[in-house]
Amino acid sequence: LVSPPFQMALYFCTGVLADETQFHHYALNVPFYTHFTSPIRRYADVVVHRLLSASLGARPPIKMEKEAIQKQADHCNDRKMASKRVQELSADLFFSIFVRVRP
């Protein structure tokens, strides 16, 4: 039996957390961390790009309440977990069919 070595990463808005130690990156041992890639696939990456651009002064400030940003993060987390679950179920189904048709 094998289990994942780390807890799955979650999207969250730092502004809704009272304690900064809650977003310390354990594996990298850094106090502040963000993750994003090219914003062509995941909406969470689009949001991070927009927020970082605004914080660096490259675009006007984002006029959103931190609770609204957290709501988007929660939705992205829900979709990410649902996608992961569907992938796991698909692999299980394929394996069971593979085993069934083999003599």
N, C-alpha and C. Protein backbone atom coordinates (compact mmCIF):
# COMPACT_ATOMS: atom_id res chain seq x y z
N LEU A 1 0.85 -1.18 0.00
CA LEU A 1 0.00 0.00 0.00
C LEU A 1 0.90 1.23 0.00
N VAL A 2 0.64 2.13 -0.93
CA VAL A 2 1.46 3.33 -1.06
C VAL A 2 0.57 4.54 -0.86
N SER A 3 1.07 5.51 -0.13
CA SER A 3 0.32 6.75 0.06
C SER A 3 1.15 7.92 -0.41
N PRO A 4 0.51 9.01 -0.82
CA PRO A 4 1.26 10.18 -1.28
C PRO A 4 2.12 10.74 -0.15
N PRO A 5 3.34 11.17 -0.46
CA PRO A 5 4.25 11.62 0.59
C PRO A 5 3.89 12.99 1.17
N PHE A 6 3.21 13.83 0.42
CA PHE A 6 2.90 15.18 0.87
C PHE A 6 1.41 15.44 0.76
N GLN A 7 0.97 16.38 1.56
CA GLN A 7 -0.41 16.84 1.45
C GLN A 7 -0.55 17.61 0.14
N MET A 8 -1.68 17.43 -0.54
CA MET A 8 -1.90 18.13 -1.80
C MET A 8 -1.94 19.64 -1.57
N ALA A 9 -1.28 20.36 -2.44
CA ALA A 9 -1.25 21.82 -2.34
C ALA A 9 -2.64 22.39 -2.59
N LEU A 10 -2.95 23.46 -1.90
CA LEU A 10 -4.24 24.13 -2.05
C LEU A 10 -4.03 25.59 -2.41
N TYR A 11 -4.94 26.12 -3.20
CA TYR A 11 -4.95 27.55 -3.48
C TYR A 11 -5.64 28.26 -2.33
N PHE A 12 -5.12 29.41 -1.93
CA PHE A 12 -5.78 30.21 -0.90
C PHE A 12 -5.33 31.66 -1.02
N CYS A 13 -6.13 32.54 -0.46
CA CYS A 13 -5.82 33.96 -0.42
C CYS A 13 -5.14 34.25 0.90
N THR A 14 -3.92 34.75 0.86
CA THR A 14 -3.18 35.00 2.10
C THR A 14 -3.87 36.05 2.96
N GLY A 15 -4.65 36.91 2.37
CA GLY A 15 -5.32 37.96 3.13
C GLY A 15 -6.38 37.47 4.09
N VAL A 16 -6.85 36.24 3.93
CA VAL A 16 -7.88 35.72 4.83
C VAL A 16 -7.28 34.93 5.99
N LEU A 17 -5.96 34.73 5.97
CA LEU A 17 -5.31 33.99 7.05
C LEU A 17 -4.72 34.95 8.07
N ALA A 18 -4.96 34.68 9.33
CA ALA A 18 -4.47 35.57 10.39
C ALA A 18 -3.00 35.33 10.69
N ASP A 19 -2.53 34.13 10.50
CA ASP A 19 -1.17 33.76 10.88
C ASP A 19 -0.34 33.43 9.64
N GLU A 20 0.74 34.19 9.43
CA GLU A 20 1.58 33.99 8.24
C GLU A 20 2.26 32.62 8.23
N THR A 21 2.41 31.99 9.38
CA THR A 21 3.04 30.67 9.39
C THR A 21 2.16 29.63 8.72
N GLN A 22 0.89 29.95 8.48
CA GLN A 22 -0.01 29.02 7.80
C GLN A 22 0.34 28.86 6.33
N PHE A 23 1.08 29.81 5.75
CA PHE A 23 1.45 29.63 4.35
C PHE A 23 2.95 29.49 4.15
N HIS A 24 3.62 28.99 5.17
CA HIS A 24 5.03 28.62 5.07
C HIS A 24 5.13 27.37 4.21
N HIS A 25 6.08 27.35 3.27
CA HIS A 25 6.25 26.17 2.42
C HIS A 25 7.20 25.20 3.13
N TYR A 26 6.66 24.08 3.56
CA TYR A 26 7.43 23.13 4.36
C TYR A 26 8.63 22.56 3.61
N ALA A 27 8.41 22.03 2.41
CA ALA A 27 9.48 21.35 1.67
C ALA A 27 10.60 22.31 1.26
N LEU A 28 10.24 23.53 0.88
CA LEU A 28 11.25 24.50 0.46
C LEU A 28 11.79 25.32 1.63
N ASN A 29 11.12 25.24 2.78
CA ASN A 29 11.48 25.98 3.98
C ASN A 29 11.60 27.48 3.70
N VAL A 30 10.58 28.02 3.06
CA VAL A 30 10.52 29.46 2.80
C VAL A 30 9.21 30.00 3.39
N PRO A 31 9.26 31.23 3.93
CA PRO A 31 8.05 31.76 4.58
C PRO A 31 6.95 32.16 3.60
N PHE A 32 7.32 32.61 2.42
CA PHE A 32 6.33 33.06 1.43
C PHE A 32 6.56 32.30 0.13
N TYR A 33 5.48 31.86 -0.47
CA TYR A 33 5.62 31.06 -1.67
C TYR A 33 4.35 31.20 -2.50
N THR A 34 4.51 31.28 -3.79
CA THR A 34 3.36 31.19 -4.68
C THR A 34 3.74 30.28 -5.84
N HIS A 35 2.75 29.68 -6.41
CA HIS A 35 2.97 28.76 -7.53
C HIS A 35 2.07 29.20 -8.67
N PHE A 36 2.65 29.31 -9.84
CA PHE A 36 1.84 29.59 -11.02
C PHE A 36 2.65 29.21 -12.25
N THR A 37 1.93 28.99 -13.32
CA THR A 37 2.56 28.68 -14.60
C THR A 37 1.94 29.61 -15.63
N SER A 38 2.18 29.33 -16.87
CA SER A 38 1.58 30.12 -17.93
C SER A 38 0.06 30.07 -17.80
N PRO A 39 -0.60 31.21 -17.85
CA PRO A 39 -2.05 31.22 -17.59
C PRO A 39 -2.90 30.81 -18.79
N ILE A 40 -2.58 29.68 -19.40
CA ILE A 40 -3.37 29.23 -20.55
C ILE A 40 -4.26 28.05 -20.21
N ARG A 41 -4.02 27.39 -19.05
CA ARG A 41 -4.80 26.20 -18.72
C ARG A 41 -5.63 26.35 -17.46
N ARG A 42 -5.05 26.92 -16.43
CA ARG A 42 -5.73 26.97 -15.14
C ARG A 42 -6.12 28.39 -14.79
N TYR A 43 -7.37 28.56 -14.38
CA TYR A 43 -7.84 29.89 -14.00
C TYR A 43 -7.08 30.41 -12.78
N ALA A 44 -6.68 29.52 -11.89
CA ALA A 44 -5.90 29.95 -10.72
C ALA A 44 -4.63 30.66 -11.15
N ASP A 45 -4.00 30.20 -12.23
CA ASP A 45 -2.79 30.86 -12.73
C ASP A 45 -3.10 32.25 -13.28
N VAL A 46 -4.25 32.41 -13.91
CA VAL A 46 -4.68 33.72 -14.41
C VAL A 46 -4.83 34.68 -13.23
N VAL A 47 -5.48 34.22 -12.17
CA VAL A 47 -5.69 35.06 -10.99
C VAL A 47 -4.35 35.46 -10.37
N VAL A 48 -3.45 34.50 -10.22
CA VAL A 48 -2.13 34.81 -9.64
C VAL A 48 -1.38 35.81 -10.50
N HIS A 49 -1.39 35.64 -11.81
CA HIS A 49 -0.72 36.59 -12.70
C HIS A 49 -1.30 37.99 -12.52
N ARG A 50 -2.62 38.09 -12.47
CA ARG A 50 -3.25 39.41 -12.31
C ARG A 50 -2.88 40.04 -10.98
N LEU A 51 -2.93 39.26 -9.91
CA LEU A 51 -2.61 39.80 -8.58
C LEU A 51 -1.14 40.20 -8.47
N LEU A 52 -0.25 39.38 -9.01
CA LEU A 52 1.18 39.73 -8.98
C LEU A 52 1.46 40.97 -9.83
N SER A 53 0.86 41.05 -10.99
CA SER A 53 1.05 42.23 -11.85
C SER A 53 0.58 43.49 -11.14
N ALA A 54 -0.55 43.40 -10.47
CA ALA A 54 -1.07 44.57 -9.74
C ALA A 54 -0.16 44.92 -8.56
N SER A 55 0.34 43.93 -7.86
CA SER A 55 1.19 44.21 -6.70
C SER A 55 2.54 44.79 -7.12
N LEU A 56 2.97 44.49 -8.33
CA LEU A 56 4.24 45.04 -8.84
C LEU A 56 4.04 46.36 -9.58
N GLY A 57 2.80 46.82 -9.67
CA GLY A 57 2.51 48.10 -10.31
C GLY A 57 2.43 48.03 -11.82
N ALA A 58 2.39 46.85 -12.39
CA ALA A 58 2.32 46.70 -13.84
C ALA A 58 0.90 46.84 -14.37
N ARG A 59 -0.07 46.86 -13.49
CA ARG A 59 -1.47 47.04 -13.87
C ARG A 59 -2.18 47.70 -12.69
N PRO A 60 -3.35 48.25 -12.93
CA PRO A 60 -4.08 48.88 -11.81
C PRO A 60 -4.41 47.86 -10.72
N PRO A 61 -4.57 48.32 -9.49
CA PRO A 61 -4.91 47.40 -8.39
C PRO A 61 -6.20 46.63 -8.69
N ILE A 62 -6.25 45.41 -8.21
CA ILE A 62 -7.43 44.57 -8.36
C ILE A 62 -8.45 45.00 -7.30
N LYS A 63 -9.63 45.35 -7.75
CA LYS A 63 -10.67 45.80 -6.82
C LYS A 63 -11.58 44.63 -6.46
N MET A 64 -11.03 43.71 -5.69
CA MET A 64 -11.79 42.54 -5.22
C MET A 64 -11.54 42.38 -3.74
N GLU A 65 -12.57 42.02 -3.03
CA GLU A 65 -12.41 41.72 -1.61
C GLU A 65 -11.64 40.41 -1.47
N LYS A 66 -10.86 40.31 -0.41
CA LYS A 66 -10.08 39.09 -0.20
C LYS A 66 -10.98 37.86 -0.06
N GLU A 67 -12.18 38.05 0.47
CA GLU A 67 -13.11 36.92 0.59
C GLU A 67 -13.55 36.42 -0.79
N ALA A 68 -13.69 37.33 -1.75
CA ALA A 68 -14.05 36.94 -3.12
C ALA A 68 -12.91 36.16 -3.77
N ILE A 69 -11.69 36.60 -3.51
CA ILE A 69 -10.52 35.88 -4.04
C ILE A 69 -10.45 34.49 -3.42
N GLN A 70 -10.71 34.41 -2.11
CA GLN A 70 -10.71 33.10 -1.45
C GLN A 70 -11.80 32.20 -2.01
N LYS A 71 -12.94 32.76 -2.33
CA LYS A 71 -14.03 31.97 -2.92
C LYS A 71 -13.59 31.38 -4.26
N GLN A 72 -12.87 32.17 -5.07
CA GLN A 72 -12.34 31.66 -6.33
C GLN A 72 -11.32 30.55 -6.07
N ALA A 73 -10.47 30.76 -5.07
CA ALA A 73 -9.47 29.74 -4.72
C ALA A 73 -10.15 28.45 -4.30
N ASP A 74 -11.20 28.56 -3.48
CA ASP A 74 -11.94 27.37 -3.06
C ASP A 74 -12.53 26.63 -4.25
N HIS A 75 -13.09 27.38 -5.20
CA HIS A 75 -13.66 26.75 -6.39
C HIS A 75 -12.57 26.05 -7.20
N CYS A 76 -11.42 26.69 -7.36
CA CYS A 76 -10.30 26.06 -8.09
C CYS A 76 -9.85 24.79 -7.37
N ASN A 77 -9.80 24.82 -6.04
CA ASN A 77 -9.44 23.62 -5.28
C ASN A 77 -10.45 22.50 -5.50
N ASP A 78 -11.74 22.83 -5.48
CA ASP A 78 -12.78 21.83 -5.71
C ASP A 78 -12.62 21.19 -7.09
N ARG A 79 -12.39 22.00 -8.11
CA ARG A 79 -12.25 21.49 -9.47
C ARG A 79 -10.98 20.64 -9.60
N LYS A 80 -9.90 21.08 -8.95
CA LYS A 80 -8.64 20.33 -9.01
C LYS A 80 -8.81 18.95 -8.37
N MET A 81 -9.48 18.91 -7.22
CA MET A 81 -9.69 17.63 -6.53
C MET A 81 -10.63 16.73 -7.32
N ALA A 82 -11.66 17.31 -7.93
CA ALA A 82 -12.59 16.52 -8.75
C ALA A 82 -11.85 15.93 -9.96
N SER A 83 -10.99 16.72 -10.58
CA SER A 83 -10.22 16.25 -11.73
C SER A 83 -9.29 15.11 -11.32
N LYS A 84 -8.63 15.27 -10.19
CA LYS A 84 -7.73 14.22 -9.70
C LYS A 84 -8.51 12.93 -9.44
N ARG A 85 -9.67 13.06 -8.84
CA ARG A 85 -10.49 11.89 -8.53
C ARG A 85 -10.95 11.18 -9.81
N VAL A 86 -11.34 11.93 -10.81
CA VAL A 86 -11.76 11.33 -12.09
C VAL A 86 -10.58 10.61 -12.74
N GLN A 87 -9.39 11.19 -12.67
CA GLN A 87 -8.21 10.52 -13.23
C GLN A 87 -7.95 9.20 -12.52
N GLU A 88 -8.06 9.21 -11.18
CA GLU A 88 -7.85 7.98 -10.42
C GLU A 88 -8.89 6.92 -10.76
N LEU A 89 -10.15 7.32 -10.84
CA LEU A 89 -11.22 6.38 -11.18
C LEU A 89 -11.05 5.83 -12.60
N SER A 90 -10.60 6.67 -13.52
CA SER A 90 -10.36 6.23 -14.89
C SER A 90 -9.25 5.19 -14.93
N ALA A 91 -8.18 5.43 -14.19
CA ALA A 91 -7.07 4.47 -14.15
C ALA A 91 -7.54 3.15 -13.54
N ASP A 92 -8.34 3.23 -12.48
CA ASP A 92 -8.88 2.01 -11.85
C ASP A 92 -9.75 1.23 -12.83
N LEU A 93 -10.60 1.94 -13.55
CA LEU A 93 -11.48 1.28 -14.52
C LEU A 93 -10.67 0.62 -15.62
N PHE A 94 -9.68 1.34 -16.17
CA PHE A 94 -8.85 0.77 -17.22
C PHE A 94 -8.14 -0.48 -16.73
N PHE A 95 -7.59 -0.42 -15.52
CA PHE A 95 -6.88 -1.57 -14.97
C PHE A 95 -7.81 -2.76 -14.79
N SER A 96 -9.01 -2.52 -14.27
CA SER A 96 -9.94 -3.64 -14.06
C SER A 96 -10.36 -4.26 -15.39
N ILE A 97 -10.56 -3.45 -16.41
CA ILE A 97 -10.89 -3.99 -17.74
C ILE A 97 -9.70 -4.75 -18.30
N PHE A 98 -8.51 -4.21 -18.14
CA PHE A 98 -7.29 -4.86 -18.61
C PHE A 98 -7.13 -6.23 -17.97
N VAL A 99 -7.33 -6.32 -16.67
CA VAL A 99 -7.18 -7.58 -15.95
C VAL A 99 -8.28 -8.56 -16.35
N ARG A 100 -9.48 -8.08 -16.55
CA ARG A 100 -10.61 -8.95 -16.90
C ARG A 100 -10.41 -9.61 -18.26
N VAL A 101 -9.88 -8.89 -19.25
CA VAL A 101 -9.76 -9.46 -20.59
C VAL A 101 -8.50 -10.29 -20.77
N ARG A 102 -7.60 -10.27 -19.83
CA ARG A 102 -6.39 -11.09 -19.91
C ARG A 102 -6.68 -12.47 -19.33
N PRO A 103 -6.24 -13.55 -20.03
CA PRO A 103 -6.48 -14.91 -19.51
C PRO A 103 -5.62 -15.21 -18.29
